[in-house]
Protein backbone atom coordinates (compact mmCIF):
# COMPACT_ATOMS: atom_id res chain seq x y z
CA MET A 1 68.37 93.47 81.08
CA LYS A 2 70.17 96.74 80.44
CA LYS A 3 68.93 99.27 77.94
CA VAL A 4 68.12 97.94 74.48
CA LYS A 5 70.90 99.14 72.16
CA VAL A 6 69.48 100.37 68.87
CA GLY A 7 70.98 100.94 65.44
CA LEU A 8 69.23 102.97 62.74
CA VAL A 9 69.50 102.21 59.02
CA GLY A 10 68.77 105.46 57.20
CA SER A 11 69.26 109.13 57.99
CA GLN A 12 66.37 110.85 56.22
CA PHE A 13 62.87 111.88 57.28
CA VAL A 14 61.55 108.70 58.92
CA SER A 15 64.87 107.95 60.65
CA THR A 16 64.73 111.43 62.15
CA ILE A 17 61.31 110.54 63.57
CA HIS A 18 62.72 107.27 64.90
CA ALA A 19 65.65 109.05 66.55
CA GLU A 20 63.44 111.70 68.18
CA SER A 21 60.93 109.09 69.30
CA LEU A 22 63.51 106.81 70.87
CA LYS A 23 64.75 109.70 73.02
CA ARG A 24 61.41 109.36 74.84
CA VAL A 25 61.91 105.65 75.52
CA PRO A 26 63.86 105.18 78.79
CA ASP A 27 64.82 101.57 78.00
CA ALA A 28 66.33 102.41 74.60
CA GLU A 29 69.72 103.80 73.63
CA ILE A 30 70.69 104.60 70.04
CA ILE A 31 74.32 103.62 69.65
CA ALA A 32 74.75 103.68 65.86
CA VAL A 33 73.34 104.85 62.55
CA ALA A 34 74.16 103.70 59.02
CA SER A 35 73.56 105.53 55.76
CA LYS A 36 75.51 105.49 52.50
CA THR A 37 76.30 109.24 52.32
CA GLU A 38 79.08 109.91 54.83
CA GLU A 39 78.60 113.64 55.25
CA HIS A 40 74.88 113.23 55.83
CA VAL A 41 75.11 110.33 58.27
CA LYS A 42 77.94 112.07 60.15
CA THR A 43 75.80 115.19 60.57
CA PHE A 44 72.81 113.06 61.58
CA ALA A 45 74.83 111.22 64.23
CA LYS A 46 76.21 114.46 65.65
CA HIS A 47 72.79 116.11 65.78
CA HIS A 48 71.25 113.18 67.66
CA ASN A 49 74.30 112.43 69.84
CA ILE A 50 74.76 108.98 68.34
CA PRO A 51 78.30 107.73 69.10
CA HIS A 52 78.88 105.57 65.99
CA TYR A 53 78.05 106.06 62.33
CA PHE A 54 78.68 103.88 59.27
CA THR A 55 78.29 104.17 55.51
CA ASP A 56 77.79 100.38 55.31
CA TYR A 57 75.04 98.94 57.51
CA LYS A 58 76.79 95.55 57.48
CA LYS A 59 79.64 97.09 59.45
CA MET A 60 77.14 98.32 62.02
CA LEU A 61 75.73 94.79 62.32
CA GLU A 62 79.16 93.61 63.48
CA MET A 63 78.69 95.50 66.76
CA ASP A 64 78.25 92.86 69.46
CA GLU A 65 76.38 95.21 71.78
CA LEU A 66 73.71 96.03 69.19
CA ASP A 67 70.31 94.48 70.07
CA MET A 68 67.84 95.93 67.57
CA VAL A 69 67.89 97.48 64.10
CA ILE A 70 65.26 99.92 62.81
CA ILE A 71 65.04 100.07 59.02
CA GLY A 72 64.20 103.45 57.53
CA ALA A 73 65.74 102.80 54.12
CA PRO A 74 63.89 102.80 50.75
CA ASN A 75 61.43 99.96 50.17
CA TYR A 76 63.59 97.93 47.78
CA LEU A 77 66.26 97.52 50.49
CA HIS A 78 63.99 96.28 53.30
CA ALA A 79 64.25 92.55 52.61
CA GLN A 80 68.03 92.34 52.29
CA ILE A 81 68.68 94.51 55.35
CA THR A 82 66.23 92.42 57.38
CA VAL A 83 67.83 89.14 56.34
CA ASP A 84 71.34 90.45 57.06
CA SER A 85 70.26 91.83 60.43
CA ALA A 86 68.57 88.58 61.45
CA LYS A 87 71.61 86.54 60.50
CA ALA A 88 73.67 88.89 62.67
CA GLY A 89 71.36 88.08 65.58
CA LYS A 90 69.64 91.47 65.71
CA HIS A 91 65.93 92.05 66.26
CA VAL A 92 64.33 94.01 63.42
CA VAL A 93 61.81 96.84 63.21
CA CYS A 94 60.91 97.39 59.56
CA GLU A 95 59.17 100.48 58.29
CA LYS A 96 56.14 100.14 56.06
CA PRO A 97 55.58 98.68 53.53
CA LEU A 98 57.24 95.47 54.69
CA CYS A 99 59.03 94.91 51.37
CA MET A 100 58.56 94.79 47.59
CA ASN A 101 56.77 91.45 47.15
CA LEU A 102 55.34 88.39 48.87
CA LYS A 103 58.39 86.22 48.16
CA GLU A 104 60.58 88.73 49.97
CA ALA A 105 58.05 88.89 52.82
CA ASP A 106 58.17 85.12 53.29
CA LEU A 107 61.98 85.17 53.26
CA MET A 108 62.07 87.89 55.90
CA ILE A 109 59.60 86.08 58.16
CA GLU A 110 61.28 82.69 57.75
CA THR A 111 64.80 84.05 58.32
CA CYS A 112 63.83 85.91 61.49
CA LYS A 113 62.11 82.82 62.86
CA LYS A 114 65.10 80.64 62.01
CA GLU A 115 67.51 83.06 63.68
CA LYS A 116 65.17 83.46 66.68
CA VAL A 117 64.86 87.21 66.40
CA LYS A 118 61.71 89.34 66.36
CA LEU A 119 60.46 90.90 63.14
CA MET A 120 58.33 93.90 64.02
CA TYR A 121 56.23 95.89 61.56
CA ALA A 122 56.24 99.65 62.06
CA GLU A 123 52.64 100.76 61.64
CA GLU A 124 52.33 103.83 63.84
CA LEU A 125 48.56 104.29 63.36
CA CYS A 126 48.06 101.37 65.75
CA PHE A 127 49.75 103.50 68.44
CA THR A 128 48.33 106.92 67.55
CA PRO A 129 46.60 108.19 70.74
CA LYS A 130 43.44 109.46 69.04
CA TYR A 131 43.09 106.20 67.10
CA VAL A 132 43.84 104.11 70.20
CA ARG A 133 40.89 105.84 71.88
CA LEU A 134 38.80 105.21 68.76
CA LYS A 135 39.57 101.49 68.97
CA GLN A 136 38.59 101.51 72.64
CA LEU A 137 35.17 102.84 71.61
CA VAL A 138 34.85 99.99 69.13
CA ASP A 139 36.06 97.34 71.58
CA GLU A 140 33.76 98.45 74.39
CA GLY A 141 30.72 98.38 72.10
CA ALA A 142 30.02 102.10 72.30
CA LEU A 143 29.23 102.18 68.57
CA GLY A 144 27.36 98.87 68.47
CA LYS A 145 28.08 96.46 65.63
CA VAL A 146 30.55 98.13 63.28
CA TYR A 147 29.58 97.92 59.61
CA MET A 148 31.87 100.47 57.95
CA VAL A 149 35.27 102.08 58.55
CA LYS A 150 36.94 104.83 56.53
CA GLN A 151 40.52 106.07 56.65
CA SER A 152 42.15 108.74 54.53
CA GLU A 153 45.61 110.26 54.26
CA LYS A 154 46.06 112.95 51.63
CA HIS A 155 48.74 115.48 50.77
CA ASP A 156 50.54 116.76 47.68
CA GLY A 157 53.37 114.25 47.46
CA PRO A 158 56.08 112.25 49.27
CA HIS A 159 59.06 113.75 51.07
CA SER A 160 61.91 111.96 49.25
CA PRO A 161 62.55 111.67 45.48
CA TRP A 162 62.88 107.87 45.47
CA PHE A 163 59.15 107.48 46.24
CA TRP A 164 58.33 108.73 42.72
CA ASP A 165 60.43 105.96 41.11
CA VAL A 166 58.33 102.79 40.98
CA GLU A 167 61.48 100.71 40.49
CA LEU A 168 62.69 101.79 43.94
CA SER A 169 59.37 102.14 45.74
CA GLY A 170 57.36 99.38 44.07
CA GLY A 171 54.25 101.43 43.44
CA GLY A 172 52.47 104.71 44.10
CA VAL A 173 50.24 106.12 46.80
CA VAL A 174 48.38 102.84 47.47
CA LEU A 175 51.66 101.19 48.37
CA ASP A 176 53.00 104.19 50.28
CA MET A 177 49.90 105.19 52.25
CA GLY A 178 47.31 102.53 51.51
CA CYS A 179 49.40 100.24 53.69
CA HIS A 180 48.54 102.51 56.64
CA ALA A 181 44.82 102.22 55.94
CA PHE A 182 44.90 98.45 55.44
CA GLU A 183 46.59 97.69 58.75
CA PHE A 184 44.48 100.33 60.51
CA PHE A 185 41.36 98.48 59.31
CA ARG A 186 42.70 95.09 60.43
CA TRP A 187 43.82 96.42 63.81
CA ILE A 188 40.70 98.36 64.76
CA LEU A 189 38.50 95.39 63.78
CA GLY A 190 40.58 92.79 65.66
CA LYS A 191 42.42 91.49 62.58
CA PRO A 192 39.64 89.53 60.86
CA GLU A 193 40.26 87.67 57.61
CA VAL A 194 40.34 89.82 54.49
CA GLU A 195 37.70 88.73 51.99
CA SER A 196 38.23 90.99 48.98
CA VAL A 197 39.81 94.19 47.65
CA TYR A 198 38.45 96.52 44.96
CA ALA A 199 40.52 99.51 43.84
CA ASP A 200 40.31 102.51 41.55
CA MET A 201 43.56 104.41 41.07
CA GLY A 202 45.28 106.67 38.59
CA THR A 203 47.96 109.27 37.99
CA TYR A 204 46.21 112.63 37.80
CA VAL A 205 48.55 115.40 38.98
CA HIS A 206 52.13 114.09 38.97
CA LYS A 207 52.54 112.46 35.55
CA ASP A 208 55.71 114.49 35.09
CA LYS A 209 57.26 112.83 38.16
CA THR A 210 55.99 109.26 38.35
CA LYS A 211 54.35 106.36 36.60
CA GLY A 212 52.82 105.39 39.93
CA ASP A 213 49.31 106.14 41.13
CA ASP A 214 48.86 109.48 42.90
CA ASN A 215 45.20 109.18 43.89
CA SER A 216 43.15 106.14 44.89
CA LEU A 217 39.98 104.72 46.36
CA VAL A 218 40.15 101.17 47.73
CA ILE A 219 37.22 99.17 49.13
CA VAL A 220 38.19 96.32 51.47
CA ARG A 221 35.62 93.73 52.51
CA PHE A 222 36.29 91.62 55.61
CA ALA A 223 34.91 88.21 56.54
CA ASN A 224 33.07 89.75 59.53
CA GLU A 225 30.87 91.69 57.06
CA VAL A 226 32.56 95.06 57.62
CA THR A 227 33.25 97.22 54.57
CA CYS A 228 36.17 99.64 54.67
CA LEU A 229 37.10 102.53 52.40
CA ALA A 230 40.66 103.84 52.03
CA GLU A 231 41.12 107.23 50.39
CA GLU A 232 44.79 107.93 49.72
CA SER A 233 46.27 110.78 47.71
CA TRP A 234 49.50 112.45 46.66
CA ALA A 235 47.41 114.88 44.60
CA LYS A 236 45.61 116.92 47.29
CA LYS A 237 46.65 120.54 47.68
CA GLY A 238 46.43 122.47 50.95
CA GLY A 239 48.52 120.38 53.31
CA MET A 240 48.07 117.09 55.13
CA ASP A 241 44.64 115.58 55.76
CA ASP A 242 44.61 112.49 57.98
CA ARG A 243 41.39 111.11 59.46
CA ALA A 244 39.29 108.04 60.24
CA GLU A 245 35.58 107.32 60.65
CA VAL A 246 33.82 104.34 62.23
CA TYR A 247 30.12 103.62 61.69
CA GLY A 248 28.15 101.21 63.87
CA SER A 249 24.59 100.18 64.60
CA GLU A 250 24.58 102.27 67.79
CA GLY A 251 26.76 105.20 66.89
CA VAL A 252 29.44 106.87 64.78
CA ALA A 253 32.85 108.37 65.57
CA TYR A 254 35.06 110.77 63.62
CA ALA A 255 38.76 111.07 64.42
CA ASN A 256 40.72 113.80 62.64
CA LEU A 257 44.41 113.64 63.54
CA LEU A 258 45.06 117.26 62.61
CA MET A 259 41.91 119.01 63.82
CA GLY A 260 41.87 119.14 67.58
CA ASN A 261 45.63 118.84 67.97
CA SER A 262 46.69 121.42 65.42
CA ILE A 263 46.65 125.17 64.83
CA LEU A 264 44.77 126.59 61.85
CA THR A 265 47.47 128.68 60.17
CA TYR A 266 47.83 130.93 57.14
CA SER A 267 51.29 131.77 55.76
CA ASP A 268 52.40 133.32 52.48
CA VAL A 269 55.87 131.81 52.77
CA GLY A 270 55.53 128.49 54.61
CA TYR A 271 57.17 127.63 57.88
CA GLY A 272 59.34 125.22 59.86
CA TYR A 273 60.86 121.87 59.00
CA ALA A 274 57.48 120.82 57.62
CA VAL A 275 58.42 122.69 54.44
CA GLU A 276 60.78 119.78 53.71
CA LYS A 277 58.04 117.23 54.31
CA ALA A 278 55.00 116.04 52.42
CA GLY A 279 52.52 118.84 52.03
CA SER A 280 53.07 122.56 51.50
CA THR A 281 52.73 124.95 54.46
CA LYS A 282 52.07 127.96 52.26
CA GLY A 283 48.53 129.34 52.47
CA TRP A 284 46.13 127.69 54.89
CA SER A 285 47.34 124.60 56.76
CA PHE A 286 47.02 122.77 60.05
CA THR A 287 50.14 123.33 62.16
CA ILE A 288 50.62 120.20 64.22
CA TYR A 289 52.56 120.24 67.50
CA GLU A 290 54.10 117.25 69.27
CA GLU A 291 53.81 115.54 65.88
CA ALA A 292 55.71 112.37 66.70
CA TRP A 293 53.66 111.84 69.87
CA ASN A 294 50.32 112.61 68.22
CA TYR A 295 51.09 110.09 65.49
CA GLY A 296 52.19 107.45 68.01
CA PHE A 297 55.85 107.03 67.05
CA PRO A 298 57.35 107.14 70.60
CA GLN A 299 54.63 104.77 71.81
CA GLU A 300 55.39 102.44 68.91
CA MET A 301 59.13 102.44 69.63
CA GLU A 302 58.53 101.97 73.36
CA HIS A 303 56.40 98.90 72.58
CA PHE A 304 59.02 97.36 70.29
CA VAL A 305 61.83 98.05 72.76
CA ASP A 306 59.74 96.42 75.51
CA CYS A 307 59.20 93.38 73.26
CA VAL A 308 62.96 92.98 72.85
CA LYS A 309 63.83 93.67 76.47
CA ASN A 310 61.15 91.42 77.98
CA ASP A 311 60.74 88.88 75.15
CA LYS A 312 57.12 89.75 74.35
CA GLU A 313 55.13 89.15 71.18
CA PRO A 314 54.87 92.40 69.17
CA MET A 315 51.42 93.80 68.45
CA GLU A 316 52.50 94.34 64.83
CA THR A 317 54.57 91.55 63.29
CA GLY A 318 56.12 90.59 59.99
CA GLU A 319 53.08 88.42 59.35
CA ASP A 320 50.86 91.49 59.68
CA GLY A 321 53.06 93.32 57.22
CA ARG A 322 52.73 90.42 54.80
CA VAL A 323 48.92 90.49 54.94
CA VAL A 324 49.02 94.22 54.20
CA LEU A 325 51.35 93.60 51.26
CA GLU A 326 49.00 90.92 49.90
CA MET A 327 46.15 93.44 50.10
CA ILE A 328 48.26 96.00 48.25
CA PHE A 329 48.98 93.55 45.42
CA ALA A 330 45.27 92.71 45.25
CA ALA A 331 44.48 96.43 44.99
CA TYR A 332 46.81 96.89 42.02
CA GLU A 333 45.35 93.79 40.36
CA SER A 334 41.86 95.18 40.90
CA ALA A 335 42.83 98.54 39.41
CA LYS A 336 44.13 96.74 36.30
CA THR A 337 41.13 94.43 35.81
CA GLY A 338 38.38 96.69 37.10
CA LYS A 339 37.14 93.78 39.20
CA LYS A 340 36.99 92.88 42.86
CA VAL A 341 39.89 90.59 43.83
CA ASN A 342 39.31 87.91 46.45
CA LEU A 343 41.89 86.92 49.01
CA PRO A 344 44.04 84.95 49.47
CA PHE A 345 45.72 86.40 46.38
CA LYS A 346 48.84 84.76 44.97
CA THR A 347 51.23 86.49 42.61
CA ASP A 348 54.85 86.21 41.51
CA ALA A 349 55.04 89.92 40.60
CA SER A 350 58.27 91.51 41.83
CA LYS A 351 56.48 94.70 42.92
CA PRO A 352 52.86 95.90 43.04
CA PHE A 353 53.23 98.32 40.15
CA ASP A 354 54.12 95.43 37.81
CA LEU A 355 50.47 94.38 37.95
CA LEU A 356 49.48 97.65 36.26
CA ARG A 357 51.94 97.37 33.39
């Protein structure tokens, strides 16, 4: 099979990461990008040497040569774009979170199966080199029987305005970054059954911007008797903090994504394109280099391209994304009731934040 021809939906931060990452994948070729603002998508296409651009993604889906679509659009658009792409015969990579609710998740999964296309869930932490090595330690028994895992991602707020609007995003930091922790837990433990979720969350710093939660602690209990703690925040000053810890009967391991592959930096003014991203670079910060590689994005895209080219089962699927979404809904229910919520958890809520209303 020739190179896998890729189309991007979106032209903001995460689509930039997708474009840069795919340049490192020999079997992939980006042939189109779609985004509703013509001037922006035109500039994006020119910058990344993408030959075709559209303001309507449905027009892009009409391209016969297109094999795979990568969705980097806001959360509330994920389901419809996935369904339209599947019906057009295109394989789908969907950014996290999978969608707004469990009904949409089921529709996405069922449609992709019916149309015989792959639905792949973009969770880059499962491809992050430092975390891949951490999982190897777990799998080879170097830490003994694992009994606790922690993961945290903290900074001072998201990179695009729509994240603050719960009607467009579906929730706050638990939805935006808790999804990373939840799938990280499942992946590093071999995807055991989720037993329960207990969450504490609130809006502490950004009440002027959002109704959504900006700081959270979530305890996840798995059927294999492992307890996991997710610490996620949009309220932390001082730049990005991203780390994981694994505790076992024979050892412990700490993996900090920014210490060890970053430069301790102080700046009065801030620096680089990171100024436009989550987390301020003024004052002390960790200056990361080879960011996309260190976070696993090229490896993730290479895996998904290989799955399309050679008809392999993706490591991260739509079903995985659905489990994560169910955990997110359970977390919001727990935050409302103050009680542990057992899984499976069924709800007809249209988005996680509705459970807090």
